[in-house]
N, C-alpha and C. Protein backbone atom coordinates (compact mmCIF):
# COMPACT_ATOMS: atom_id res chain seq x y z
N UNK A 1 -8.86 -5.78 9.01
CA UNK A 1 -8.32 -4.82 9.98
C UNK A 1 -6.86 -5.15 10.26
N UNK A 2 -5.96 -4.17 10.20
CA UNK A 2 -4.55 -4.45 10.44
C UNK A 2 -4.30 -4.85 11.88
N UNK A 3 -3.31 -5.71 12.09
CA UNK A 3 -2.97 -6.15 13.43
C UNK A 3 -2.32 -5.01 14.21
N UNK A 4 -2.54 -4.95 15.55
CA UNK A 4 -1.88 -3.92 16.36
C UNK A 4 -0.37 -4.04 16.22
N UNK A 5 0.32 -2.91 16.10
CA UNK A 5 1.76 -2.95 15.97
C UNK A 5 2.40 -3.29 17.30
N UNK A 6 3.51 -3.98 17.25
CA UNK A 6 4.23 -4.35 18.47
C UNK A 6 5.44 -3.44 18.62
N UNK A 7 5.70 -3.03 19.86
CA UNK A 7 6.82 -2.16 20.14
C UNK A 7 7.72 -2.81 21.18
N UNK A 8 9.01 -2.64 21.03
CA UNK A 8 9.95 -3.10 22.05
C UNK A 8 10.03 -2.03 23.13
N UNK A 9 9.80 -2.42 24.37
CA UNK A 9 9.70 -1.47 25.45
C UNK A 9 11.02 -1.35 26.20
N UNK A 10 11.77 -0.30 25.92
CA UNK A 10 12.98 0.04 26.65
C UNK A 10 13.84 -1.15 27.04
N UNK A 11 14.41 -1.12 28.23
CA UNK A 11 15.33 -2.16 28.68
C UNK A 11 14.66 -3.47 29.07
N UNK A 12 13.32 -3.53 28.98
CA UNK A 12 12.64 -4.76 29.36
C UNK A 12 12.91 -5.87 28.37
N UNK A 13 13.30 -5.50 27.16
CA UNK A 13 13.60 -6.48 26.11
C UNK A 13 12.44 -7.44 25.90
N UNK A 14 11.23 -6.92 25.99
CA UNK A 14 10.03 -7.72 25.74
C UNK A 14 9.08 -6.92 24.88
N UNK A 15 8.11 -7.60 24.28
CA UNK A 15 7.18 -6.92 23.40
C UNK A 15 5.78 -6.94 23.97
N UNK A 16 5.09 -5.82 23.79
CA UNK A 16 3.73 -5.69 24.27
C UNK A 16 2.85 -5.25 23.11
N UNK A 17 1.84 -6.03 22.73
CA UNK A 17 0.95 -5.60 21.65
C UNK A 17 0.20 -4.35 22.09
N UNK A 18 0.33 -3.27 21.32
CA UNK A 18 -0.27 -2.00 21.70
C UNK A 18 -0.94 -1.36 20.50
N UNK A 19 -2.18 -0.97 20.64
CA UNK A 19 -2.82 -0.15 19.64
C UNK A 19 -2.52 1.30 19.98
N UNK A 20 -1.60 1.88 19.26
CA UNK A 20 -1.16 3.22 19.60
C UNK A 20 -2.30 4.22 19.62
N UNK A 21 -3.23 4.11 18.65
CA UNK A 21 -4.31 5.08 18.59
C UNK A 21 -5.28 4.92 19.76
N UNK A 22 -5.32 3.69 20.36
CA UNK A 22 -6.20 3.47 21.50
C UNK A 22 -5.59 3.98 22.80
N UNK A 23 -4.29 3.66 23.00
CA UNK A 23 -3.65 4.04 24.25
C UNK A 23 -3.39 5.53 24.33
N UNK A 24 -2.98 6.14 23.25
CA UNK A 24 -2.64 7.55 23.30
C UNK A 24 -3.83 8.44 23.03
N UNK A 25 -4.93 7.88 22.55
CA UNK A 25 -6.08 8.70 22.23
C UNK A 25 -6.89 9.03 23.46
N UNK A 26 -7.72 10.05 23.36
CA UNK A 26 -8.51 10.49 24.50
C UNK A 26 -9.59 9.48 24.87
N UNK A 27 -9.90 8.53 23.95
CA UNK A 27 -10.93 7.54 24.23
C UNK A 27 -10.50 6.52 25.28
N UNK A 28 -9.21 6.42 25.55
CA UNK A 28 -8.73 5.44 26.52
C UNK A 28 -7.65 6.07 27.38
N UNK A 29 -8.02 6.81 28.43
CA UNK A 29 -7.03 7.43 29.31
C UNK A 29 -6.30 6.39 30.12
N UNK A 30 -5.22 6.77 30.79
CA UNK A 30 -4.38 5.81 31.52
C UNK A 30 -5.14 4.92 32.49
N UNK A 31 -6.08 5.48 33.25
CA UNK A 31 -6.80 4.66 34.23
C UNK A 31 -7.54 3.53 33.54
N UNK A 32 -8.21 3.82 32.42
CA UNK A 32 -8.93 2.78 31.70
C UNK A 32 -7.96 1.79 31.06
N UNK A 33 -6.83 2.30 30.59
CA UNK A 33 -5.85 1.40 29.97
C UNK A 33 -5.38 0.36 30.96
N UNK A 34 -5.17 0.77 32.21
CA UNK A 34 -4.73 -0.15 33.25
C UNK A 34 -5.87 -1.06 33.67
N UNK A 35 -7.07 -0.51 33.80
CA UNK A 35 -8.20 -1.28 34.29
C UNK A 35 -8.62 -2.38 33.31
N UNK A 36 -8.39 -2.18 32.02
CA UNK A 36 -8.88 -3.13 31.03
C UNK A 36 -8.03 -4.38 30.89
N UNK A 37 -6.87 -4.42 31.51
CA UNK A 37 -6.05 -5.64 31.44
C UNK A 37 -6.36 -6.51 32.64
N UNK A 38 -6.19 -7.82 32.48
CA UNK A 38 -6.45 -8.73 33.58
C UNK A 38 -5.37 -8.65 34.64
N UNK A 39 -5.63 -9.26 35.79
CA UNK A 39 -4.68 -9.23 36.90
C UNK A 39 -3.34 -9.82 36.49
N UNK A 40 -3.37 -10.92 35.74
CA UNK A 40 -2.12 -11.59 35.36
C UNK A 40 -1.28 -10.74 34.43
N UNK A 41 -1.91 -9.78 33.75
CA UNK A 41 -1.18 -8.94 32.81
C UNK A 41 -0.87 -7.56 33.37
N UNK A 42 -1.33 -7.27 34.60
CA UNK A 42 -1.16 -5.92 35.13
C UNK A 42 0.30 -5.54 35.27
N UNK A 43 1.12 -6.45 35.79
CA UNK A 43 2.53 -6.13 36.00
C UNK A 43 3.26 -5.83 34.70
N UNK A 44 3.29 -6.76 33.71
CA UNK A 44 4.03 -6.45 32.48
C UNK A 44 3.43 -5.29 31.71
N UNK A 45 2.11 -5.17 31.71
CA UNK A 45 1.44 -4.09 30.97
C UNK A 45 1.80 -2.72 31.54
N UNK A 46 1.61 -2.56 32.86
CA UNK A 46 1.85 -1.26 33.48
C UNK A 46 3.33 -0.93 33.49
N UNK A 47 4.18 -1.92 33.75
CA UNK A 47 5.61 -1.66 33.75
C UNK A 47 6.06 -1.21 32.35
N UNK A 48 5.50 -1.83 31.33
CA UNK A 48 5.85 -1.44 29.96
C UNK A 48 5.45 0.01 29.70
N UNK A 49 4.26 0.38 30.15
CA UNK A 49 3.82 1.77 29.94
C UNK A 49 4.72 2.75 30.68
N UNK A 50 5.14 2.37 31.88
CA UNK A 50 6.00 3.25 32.67
C UNK A 50 7.36 3.45 31.99
N UNK A 51 7.83 2.42 31.29
CA UNK A 51 9.11 2.53 30.61
C UNK A 51 9.00 3.27 29.28
N UNK A 52 7.81 3.34 28.75
CA UNK A 52 7.62 3.94 27.43
C UNK A 52 7.38 5.43 27.58
N UNK A 53 8.24 6.24 26.99
CA UNK A 53 8.15 7.69 27.15
C UNK A 53 7.57 8.39 25.92
N UNK A 54 6.90 7.63 25.06
CA UNK A 54 6.43 8.19 23.80
C UNK A 54 4.97 8.62 23.85
N UNK A 55 4.49 9.05 25.02
CA UNK A 55 3.10 9.45 25.13
C UNK A 55 2.99 10.97 25.20
N UNK A 56 1.95 11.52 24.60
CA UNK A 56 1.78 12.97 24.58
C UNK A 56 1.19 13.51 25.86
N UNK A 57 1.32 14.81 26.04
CA UNK A 57 0.66 15.50 27.13
C UNK A 57 1.02 14.98 28.50
N UNK A 58 0.01 14.91 29.38
CA UNK A 58 0.26 14.50 30.76
C UNK A 58 0.00 13.03 31.01
N UNK A 59 0.13 12.20 29.98
CA UNK A 59 -0.17 10.78 30.12
C UNK A 59 0.64 10.14 31.23
N UNK A 60 1.97 10.36 31.22
CA UNK A 60 2.83 9.70 32.19
C UNK A 60 2.54 10.15 33.61
N UNK A 61 2.23 11.44 33.77
CA UNK A 61 1.91 11.96 35.09
C UNK A 61 0.62 11.33 35.61
N UNK A 62 -0.38 11.20 34.73
CA UNK A 62 -1.64 10.59 35.14
C UNK A 62 -1.45 9.11 35.44
N UNK A 63 -0.67 8.43 34.61
CA UNK A 63 -0.42 7.00 34.84
C UNK A 63 0.27 6.80 36.18
N UNK A 64 1.26 7.64 36.48
CA UNK A 64 1.96 7.54 37.76
C UNK A 64 1.00 7.71 38.92
N UNK A 65 0.06 8.63 38.78
CA UNK A 65 -0.93 8.86 39.83
C UNK A 65 -1.84 7.66 40.00
N UNK A 66 -2.24 7.04 38.88
CA UNK A 66 -3.10 5.86 38.93
C UNK A 66 -2.37 4.70 39.61
N UNK A 67 -1.12 4.48 39.23
CA UNK A 67 -0.34 3.40 39.82
C UNK A 67 -0.19 3.61 41.32
N UNK A 68 0.13 4.83 41.74
CA UNK A 68 0.33 5.13 43.15
C UNK A 68 -0.95 4.91 43.95
N UNK A 69 -2.07 5.44 43.46
CA UNK A 69 -3.32 5.32 44.21
C UNK A 69 -3.78 3.87 44.28
N UNK A 70 -3.58 3.12 43.19
CA UNK A 70 -4.00 1.72 43.16
C UNK A 70 -3.17 0.87 44.13
N UNK A 71 -1.85 1.04 44.09
CA UNK A 71 -0.98 0.27 44.98
C UNK A 71 -1.21 0.64 46.44
N UNK A 72 -1.31 1.95 46.72
CA UNK A 72 -1.51 2.39 48.09
C UNK A 72 -2.82 1.83 48.65
N UNK A 73 -3.88 1.89 47.86
CA UNK A 73 -5.18 1.38 48.30
C UNK A 73 -5.11 -0.12 48.55
N UNK A 74 -4.36 -0.82 47.73
CA UNK A 74 -4.27 -2.28 47.88
C UNK A 74 -3.57 -2.64 49.18
N UNK A 75 -2.48 -1.96 49.50
CA UNK A 75 -1.81 -2.23 50.77
C UNK A 75 -2.73 -1.92 51.95
N UNK A 76 -3.50 -0.86 51.86
CA UNK A 76 -4.42 -0.51 52.95
C UNK A 76 -5.55 -1.53 53.07
N UNK A 77 -5.98 -2.11 51.94
CA UNK A 77 -6.99 -3.17 51.99
C UNK A 77 -6.43 -4.41 52.70
N UNK A 78 -5.18 -4.75 52.42
CA UNK A 78 -4.56 -5.88 53.10
C UNK A 78 -4.45 -5.62 54.59
N UNK A 79 -4.10 -4.40 54.95
CA UNK A 79 -4.02 -4.02 56.36
C UNK A 79 -5.38 -4.21 57.05
N UNK A 80 -6.45 -3.77 56.39
CA UNK A 80 -7.79 -3.91 56.96
C UNK A 80 -8.15 -5.37 57.14
N UNK A 81 -7.76 -6.24 56.19
CA UNK A 81 -8.04 -7.66 56.30
C UNK A 81 -7.30 -8.27 57.49
N UNK A 82 -6.08 -7.86 57.69
CA UNK A 82 -5.30 -8.37 58.82
C UNK A 82 -6.00 -8.03 60.14
N UNK A 83 -6.45 -6.79 60.26
CA UNK A 83 -7.14 -6.38 61.50
C UNK A 83 -8.47 -7.11 61.66
N UNK A 84 -9.18 -7.29 60.56
CA UNK A 84 -10.47 -7.98 60.62
C UNK A 84 -10.34 -9.41 61.12
N UNK A 85 -9.32 -10.12 60.63
CA UNK A 85 -9.22 -11.54 60.95
C UNK A 85 -8.38 -11.84 62.18
N UNK A 86 -7.64 -10.86 62.67
CA UNK A 86 -6.95 -11.07 63.95
C UNK A 86 -7.77 -10.54 65.12
N UNK A 87 -8.81 -9.76 64.82
CA UNK A 87 -9.64 -9.20 65.89
C UNK A 87 -10.21 -10.26 66.83
N UNK A 88 -10.68 -11.41 66.33
CA UNK A 88 -11.25 -12.42 67.25
C UNK A 88 -10.20 -13.18 68.04
N UNK A 89 -8.93 -13.01 67.71
CA UNK A 89 -7.88 -13.80 68.34
C UNK A 89 -7.31 -13.10 69.57
N UNK A 90 -7.04 -13.87 70.60
CA UNK A 90 -6.33 -13.34 71.77
C UNK A 90 -4.84 -13.31 71.45
N UNK A 91 -4.06 -12.69 72.31
CA UNK A 91 -2.62 -12.68 72.11
C UNK A 91 -2.06 -14.10 72.12
N UNK A 92 -2.63 -14.94 72.98
CA UNK A 92 -2.18 -16.34 73.03
C UNK A 92 -2.49 -17.06 71.72
N UNK A 93 -3.68 -16.85 71.19
CA UNK A 93 -4.06 -17.49 69.93
C UNK A 93 -3.23 -16.99 68.76
N UNK A 94 -2.80 -15.74 68.83
CA UNK A 94 -2.00 -15.17 67.74
C UNK A 94 -0.73 -15.99 67.52
N UNK A 95 -0.21 -16.57 68.59
CA UNK A 95 1.05 -17.32 68.50
C UNK A 95 0.82 -18.83 68.48
N UNK A 96 -0.42 -19.24 68.42
CA UNK A 96 -0.73 -20.66 68.45
C UNK A 96 -0.86 -21.21 67.03
N UNK A 97 -0.37 -22.43 66.83
CA UNK A 97 -0.51 -23.10 65.54
C UNK A 97 -1.54 -24.22 65.68
N UNK A 98 -2.60 -24.21 64.88
CA UNK A 98 -3.60 -25.27 65.01
C UNK A 98 -3.08 -26.63 64.53
N UNK A 99 -1.96 -26.63 63.82
CA UNK A 99 -1.36 -27.85 63.32
C UNK A 99 0.13 -27.83 63.64
N UNK A 100 0.79 -28.98 63.69
CA UNK A 100 2.22 -29.02 64.05
C UNK A 100 3.13 -28.39 63.00
N UNK A 101 2.63 -28.18 61.81
CA UNK A 101 3.44 -27.60 60.73
C UNK A 101 3.02 -26.14 60.49
N UNK A 102 3.79 -25.45 59.70
CA UNK A 102 3.43 -24.08 59.32
C UNK A 102 3.83 -23.06 60.37
N UNK A 103 3.29 -21.85 60.22
CA UNK A 103 3.61 -20.73 61.09
C UNK A 103 2.37 -20.23 61.81
N UNK A 104 2.58 -19.56 62.92
CA UNK A 104 1.48 -18.92 63.62
C UNK A 104 1.15 -17.60 62.93
N UNK A 105 -0.01 -17.05 63.21
CA UNK A 105 -0.38 -15.74 62.65
C UNK A 105 0.59 -14.68 63.14
N UNK A 106 1.05 -14.81 64.37
CA UNK A 106 1.99 -13.85 64.92
C UNK A 106 3.30 -13.82 64.16
N UNK A 107 3.83 -15.00 63.86
CA UNK A 107 5.09 -15.06 63.11
C UNK A 107 4.90 -14.59 61.67
N UNK A 108 3.74 -14.84 61.09
CA UNK A 108 3.46 -14.33 59.74
C UNK A 108 3.42 -12.81 59.74
N UNK A 109 2.88 -12.22 60.81
CA UNK A 109 2.87 -10.77 60.91
C UNK A 109 4.28 -10.21 61.09
N UNK A 110 5.10 -10.89 61.88
CA UNK A 110 6.50 -10.47 62.01
C UNK A 110 7.19 -10.53 60.64
N UNK A 111 6.89 -11.58 59.88
CA UNK A 111 7.50 -11.75 58.56
C UNK A 111 7.05 -10.65 57.60
N UNK A 112 5.77 -10.36 57.57
CA UNK A 112 5.26 -9.30 56.69
C UNK A 112 5.86 -7.95 57.06
N UNK A 113 5.95 -7.69 58.36
CA UNK A 113 6.51 -6.42 58.82
C UNK A 113 7.97 -6.30 58.42
N UNK A 114 8.73 -7.36 58.63
CA UNK A 114 10.14 -7.34 58.26
C UNK A 114 10.34 -7.23 56.76
N UNK A 115 9.51 -7.95 56.01
CA UNK A 115 9.60 -7.92 54.55
C UNK A 115 9.39 -6.52 54.01
N UNK A 116 8.35 -5.84 54.46
CA UNK A 116 8.06 -4.49 53.97
C UNK A 116 9.10 -3.48 54.44
N UNK A 117 9.52 -3.63 55.69
CA UNK A 117 10.51 -2.69 56.22
C UNK A 117 11.85 -2.81 55.51
N UNK A 118 12.17 -4.01 55.01
CA UNK A 118 13.43 -4.18 54.29
C UNK A 118 13.30 -3.82 52.82
N UNK A 119 12.41 -4.52 52.11
CA UNK A 119 12.36 -4.36 50.65
C UNK A 119 11.89 -2.97 50.22
N UNK A 120 11.03 -2.35 51.01
CA UNK A 120 10.56 -1.01 50.66
C UNK A 120 11.19 0.04 51.57
N UNK A 121 11.20 -0.23 52.88
CA UNK A 121 11.76 0.74 53.81
C UNK A 121 13.25 0.99 53.60
N UNK A 122 14.03 -0.09 53.71
CA UNK A 122 15.49 0.06 53.60
C UNK A 122 15.94 0.30 52.16
N UNK A 123 15.32 -0.39 51.20
CA UNK A 123 15.83 -0.37 49.82
C UNK A 123 15.25 0.75 48.96
N UNK A 124 14.14 1.36 49.38
CA UNK A 124 13.57 2.48 48.61
C UNK A 124 13.47 3.74 49.46
N UNK A 125 12.88 3.62 50.64
CA UNK A 125 12.68 4.80 51.48
C UNK A 125 13.94 5.23 52.23
N UNK A 126 14.93 4.35 52.29
CA UNK A 126 16.18 4.70 52.96
C UNK A 126 16.04 4.81 54.46
N UNK A 127 15.27 3.92 55.08
CA UNK A 127 15.05 3.99 56.52
C UNK A 127 16.21 3.47 57.35
N UNK A 128 17.10 2.67 56.72
CA UNK A 128 18.20 2.09 57.47
C UNK A 128 17.82 0.83 58.23
N UNK A 129 16.66 0.30 57.95
CA UNK A 129 16.18 -0.89 58.65
C UNK A 129 17.12 -2.08 58.40
N UNK A 130 17.44 -2.79 59.48
CA UNK A 130 18.26 -4.00 59.38
C UNK A 130 17.38 -5.20 59.67
N UNK A 131 17.32 -6.12 58.72
CA UNK A 131 16.39 -7.24 58.85
C UNK A 131 17.02 -8.46 59.50
N UNK A 132 16.20 -9.13 60.33
CA UNK A 132 16.58 -10.42 60.90
C UNK A 132 15.50 -11.41 60.48
N UNK A 133 15.64 -11.95 59.29
CA UNK A 133 14.59 -12.80 58.73
C UNK A 133 14.40 -14.08 59.55
N UNK A 134 15.45 -14.62 60.10
CA UNK A 134 15.34 -15.84 60.89
C UNK A 134 14.42 -15.61 62.10
N UNK A 135 14.58 -14.47 62.75
CA UNK A 135 13.76 -14.18 63.93
C UNK A 135 12.28 -14.06 63.58
N UNK A 136 11.98 -13.59 62.38
CA UNK A 136 10.59 -13.43 61.97
C UNK A 136 9.81 -14.74 62.08
N UNK A 137 10.49 -15.85 61.86
CA UNK A 137 9.82 -17.15 61.90
C UNK A 137 10.10 -17.94 63.18
N UNK A 138 11.06 -17.48 63.98
CA UNK A 138 11.48 -18.29 65.12
C UNK A 138 11.49 -17.54 66.45
N UNK A 139 11.04 -16.31 66.49
CA UNK A 139 11.04 -15.54 67.73
C UNK A 139 10.21 -16.26 68.79
N UNK A 140 10.80 -16.45 69.95
CA UNK A 140 10.10 -17.16 71.03
C UNK A 140 9.38 -16.21 71.98
N UNK A 141 9.59 -14.92 71.81
CA UNK A 141 8.92 -13.93 72.65
C UNK A 141 7.51 -13.69 72.10
N UNK A 142 6.52 -14.10 72.83
CA UNK A 142 5.13 -13.94 72.38
C UNK A 142 4.60 -12.57 72.81
N UNK A 143 4.88 -11.58 72.00
CA UNK A 143 4.50 -10.20 72.32
C UNK A 143 2.97 -10.03 72.24
N UNK A 144 2.44 -9.06 72.97
CA UNK A 144 0.99 -8.81 72.90
C UNK A 144 0.55 -8.51 71.47
N UNK A 145 -0.64 -8.93 71.15
CA UNK A 145 -1.17 -8.75 69.80
C UNK A 145 -1.14 -7.27 69.38
N UNK A 146 -1.48 -6.40 70.32
CA UNK A 146 -1.55 -4.97 69.99
C UNK A 146 -0.19 -4.43 69.54
N UNK A 147 0.89 -4.91 70.16
CA UNK A 147 2.22 -4.44 69.77
C UNK A 147 2.60 -4.95 68.39
N UNK A 148 2.29 -6.20 68.11
CA UNK A 148 2.62 -6.78 66.81
C UNK A 148 1.87 -6.06 65.70
N UNK A 149 0.59 -5.79 65.93
CA UNK A 149 -0.22 -5.09 64.94
C UNK A 149 0.24 -3.64 64.76
N UNK A 150 0.68 -3.01 65.85
CA UNK A 150 1.15 -1.64 65.76
C UNK A 150 2.40 -1.55 64.88
N UNK A 151 3.30 -2.52 65.02
CA UNK A 151 4.49 -2.56 64.16
C UNK A 151 4.10 -2.78 62.70
N UNK A 152 3.16 -3.66 62.48
CA UNK A 152 2.68 -3.92 61.12
C UNK A 152 2.04 -2.67 60.52
N UNK A 153 1.24 -1.97 61.32
CA UNK A 153 0.58 -0.75 60.84
C UNK A 153 1.60 0.32 60.47
N UNK A 154 2.66 0.42 61.26
CA UNK A 154 3.70 1.41 60.94
C UNK A 154 4.39 1.05 59.63
N UNK A 155 4.59 -0.24 59.39
CA UNK A 155 5.21 -0.67 58.14
C UNK A 155 4.31 -0.32 56.96
N UNK A 156 3.01 -0.57 57.09
CA UNK A 156 2.07 -0.24 56.02
C UNK A 156 2.04 1.26 55.78
N UNK A 157 2.03 2.04 56.84
CA UNK A 157 2.01 3.51 56.70
C UNK A 157 3.26 3.98 55.97
N UNK A 158 4.40 3.38 56.27
CA UNK A 158 5.64 3.73 55.59
C UNK A 158 5.56 3.39 54.11
N UNK A 159 5.01 2.22 53.80
CA UNK A 159 4.89 1.79 52.41
C UNK A 159 3.98 2.74 51.64
N UNK A 160 2.83 3.05 52.19
CA UNK A 160 1.88 3.94 51.52
C UNK A 160 2.49 5.32 51.30
N UNK A 161 3.16 5.83 52.32
CA UNK A 161 3.81 7.14 52.21
C UNK A 161 4.88 7.13 51.12
N UNK A 162 5.65 6.05 51.07
CA UNK A 162 6.72 5.93 50.07
C UNK A 162 6.13 5.84 48.66
N UNK A 163 5.06 5.08 48.51
CA UNK A 163 4.40 4.96 47.22
C UNK A 163 3.95 6.33 46.71
N UNK A 164 3.34 7.10 47.59
CA UNK A 164 2.78 8.39 47.18
C UNK A 164 3.87 9.42 46.87
N UNK A 165 5.10 9.15 47.27
CA UNK A 165 6.20 10.07 46.98
C UNK A 165 6.88 9.77 45.64
N UNK A 166 6.53 8.66 45.00
CA UNK A 166 7.20 8.28 43.76
C UNK A 166 6.77 9.17 42.60
N UNK A 167 7.75 9.66 41.87
CA UNK A 167 7.46 10.45 40.67
C UNK A 167 7.34 9.50 39.48
N UNK A 168 6.99 10.04 38.31
CA UNK A 168 6.89 9.20 37.11
C UNK A 168 8.21 8.48 36.83
N UNK A 169 9.33 9.17 37.10
CA UNK A 169 10.65 8.59 36.83
C UNK A 169 11.06 7.58 37.90
N UNK A 170 10.57 7.78 39.13
CA UNK A 170 10.98 6.91 40.24
C UNK A 170 10.54 5.46 40.04
N UNK A 171 9.39 5.24 39.40
CA UNK A 171 8.88 3.88 39.26
C UNK A 171 9.86 2.99 38.51
N UNK A 172 10.59 3.56 37.57
CA UNK A 172 11.52 2.76 36.76
C UNK A 172 12.97 2.88 37.24
N UNK A 173 13.17 3.49 38.41
CA UNK A 173 14.52 3.61 38.96
C UNK A 173 15.07 2.22 39.28
N UNK A 174 16.37 2.06 39.12
CA UNK A 174 17.02 0.77 39.36
C UNK A 174 16.79 0.32 40.80
N UNK A 175 16.61 -0.99 40.98
CA UNK A 175 16.34 -1.56 42.30
C UNK A 175 17.11 -2.86 42.46
N UNK A 176 17.60 -3.10 43.67
CA UNK A 176 18.24 -4.37 43.98
C UNK A 176 18.08 -4.65 45.47
N UNK A 177 18.02 -5.92 45.83
CA UNK A 177 17.89 -6.31 47.23
C UNK A 177 18.25 -7.78 47.36
N UNK A 178 18.60 -8.19 48.58
CA UNK A 178 18.92 -9.59 48.83
C UNK A 178 17.69 -10.46 48.63
N UNK A 179 17.89 -11.64 48.08
CA UNK A 179 16.82 -12.63 47.90
C UNK A 179 15.70 -12.12 46.99
N UNK A 180 15.97 -11.14 46.15
CA UNK A 180 14.93 -10.61 45.27
C UNK A 180 15.52 -10.29 43.90
N UNK A 181 15.92 -11.32 43.15
CA UNK A 181 16.56 -11.08 41.85
C UNK A 181 15.60 -10.62 40.76
N UNK A 182 14.30 -10.79 40.97
CA UNK A 182 13.33 -10.47 39.92
C UNK A 182 12.93 -9.00 39.90
N UNK A 183 13.16 -8.29 40.99
CA UNK A 183 12.79 -6.88 41.04
C UNK A 183 13.98 -6.02 40.65
N UNK A 184 13.93 -5.46 39.45
CA UNK A 184 15.02 -4.63 38.96
C UNK A 184 14.63 -3.17 38.85
N UNK A 185 13.39 -2.87 39.18
CA UNK A 185 12.94 -1.48 39.23
C UNK A 185 11.97 -1.35 40.41
N UNK A 186 11.70 -0.13 40.82
CA UNK A 186 10.89 0.09 42.01
C UNK A 186 9.46 -0.38 41.85
N UNK A 187 8.87 -0.16 40.68
CA UNK A 187 7.49 -0.59 40.47
C UNK A 187 7.35 -2.09 40.71
N UNK A 188 8.26 -2.87 40.17
CA UNK A 188 8.20 -4.32 40.35
C UNK A 188 8.35 -4.70 41.82
N UNK A 189 9.21 -3.99 42.53
CA UNK A 189 9.40 -4.28 43.96
C UNK A 189 8.11 -4.03 44.74
N UNK A 190 7.47 -2.89 44.48
CA UNK A 190 6.19 -2.60 45.16
C UNK A 190 5.15 -3.66 44.82
N UNK A 191 5.08 -4.03 43.55
CA UNK A 191 4.09 -4.99 43.09
C UNK A 191 4.32 -6.37 43.70
N UNK A 192 5.56 -6.82 43.70
CA UNK A 192 5.86 -8.16 44.22
C UNK A 192 5.69 -8.22 45.74
N UNK A 193 5.99 -7.14 46.44
CA UNK A 193 5.75 -7.12 47.88
C UNK A 193 4.26 -7.18 48.18
N UNK A 194 3.45 -6.54 47.34
CA UNK A 194 2.00 -6.60 47.52
C UNK A 194 1.49 -8.02 47.31
N UNK A 195 2.00 -8.70 46.26
CA UNK A 195 1.60 -10.07 45.99
C UNK A 195 2.04 -11.00 47.12
N UNK A 196 3.24 -10.77 47.65
CA UNK A 196 3.76 -11.56 48.76
C UNK A 196 2.88 -11.38 49.99
N UNK A 197 2.50 -10.14 50.28
CA UNK A 197 1.65 -9.86 51.44
C UNK A 197 0.28 -10.53 51.27
N UNK A 198 -0.26 -10.48 50.06
CA UNK A 198 -1.56 -11.10 49.78
C UNK A 198 -1.52 -12.59 50.12
N UNK A 199 -0.45 -13.24 49.75
CA UNK A 199 -0.29 -14.68 50.01
C UNK A 199 -0.35 -14.97 51.51
N UNK A 200 0.40 -14.21 52.29
CA UNK A 200 0.47 -14.49 53.73
C UNK A 200 -0.78 -14.02 54.47
N UNK A 201 -1.43 -12.97 53.99
CA UNK A 201 -2.69 -12.56 54.61
C UNK A 201 -3.73 -13.66 54.43
N UNK A 202 -3.70 -14.33 53.29
CA UNK A 202 -4.58 -15.48 53.09
C UNK A 202 -4.33 -16.57 54.12
N UNK A 203 -3.08 -16.80 54.45
CA UNK A 203 -2.74 -17.80 55.47
C UNK A 203 -3.25 -17.36 56.85
N UNK A 204 -3.14 -16.07 57.13
CA UNK A 204 -3.63 -15.55 58.42
C UNK A 204 -5.14 -15.73 58.52
N UNK A 205 -5.85 -15.50 57.42
CA UNK A 205 -7.31 -15.70 57.42
C UNK A 205 -7.63 -17.17 57.72
N UNK A 206 -6.91 -18.06 57.09
CA UNK A 206 -7.14 -19.50 57.31
C UNK A 206 -6.87 -19.86 58.78
N UNK A 207 -5.76 -19.37 59.32
CA UNK A 207 -5.43 -19.67 60.72
C UNK A 207 -6.49 -19.13 61.66
N UNK A 208 -6.98 -17.92 61.39
CA UNK A 208 -8.02 -17.34 62.24
C UNK A 208 -9.27 -18.19 62.23
N UNK A 209 -9.66 -18.68 61.05
CA UNK A 209 -10.85 -19.53 60.96
C UNK A 209 -10.66 -20.82 61.74
N UNK A 210 -9.49 -21.42 61.62
CA UNK A 210 -9.23 -22.68 62.31
C UNK A 210 -9.21 -22.49 63.82
N UNK A 211 -8.57 -21.44 64.28
CA UNK A 211 -8.45 -21.21 65.72
C UNK A 211 -9.79 -20.86 66.35
N UNK A 212 -10.59 -20.04 65.68
CA UNK A 212 -11.89 -19.67 66.25
C UNK A 212 -12.87 -20.82 66.14
N UNK A 213 -12.74 -21.67 65.13
CA UNK A 213 -13.62 -22.84 65.01
C UNK A 213 -13.34 -23.81 66.14
N UNK A 214 -12.06 -24.01 66.45
CA UNK A 214 -11.70 -24.89 67.55
C UNK A 214 -12.23 -24.36 68.89
N UNK A 215 -12.23 -23.03 68.98
CA UNK A 215 -12.69 -22.36 70.21
C UNK A 215 -14.18 -22.53 70.38
N UNK A 216 -14.92 -22.46 69.25
CA UNK A 216 -16.37 -22.60 69.31
C UNK A 216 -16.77 -24.04 69.66
């Protein structure tokens, strides 16, 4: 059996092994093409497909829809996890650190909110948001939990709305932002912000477990 041909994908200057008859054929539509790759390969695989314009019919339109729905759902899942694990915490506990090192859940939420409002809000949606990253980790005002979560929810809603507005061409539009040299297109920015949020939501889950265990 001949080996799959390799194609150079646009400005990415990288190669992705692709069976042309599998990807472009009706036996493997865009949703399945994306689903069949592992998590570690999702970013380079999907980004390569978005840059490749050699697909027939409505492939690119369907792929764009799959990417948008998948990313939007993922951000909403992270939002649900944040609410689930902060629900047992009081406002005082939200700002409490069970150990002398690290951050409180409250400061992590400020950080996530600022991160999304800047990297997606200001740099893609054009919201005009001005970020104060230092305050995200050092704010001494212990705001009520409901206010902090409301700000986070608004950031998530903005991200989801922005994702759903992206056209097939928008995903590969040029992107730049401070402290983010690896994101050179919008798709990568959305993806990396999701991975960043996943990391910190995991920390919030750990903090919630520690704080409620101490309480019990």
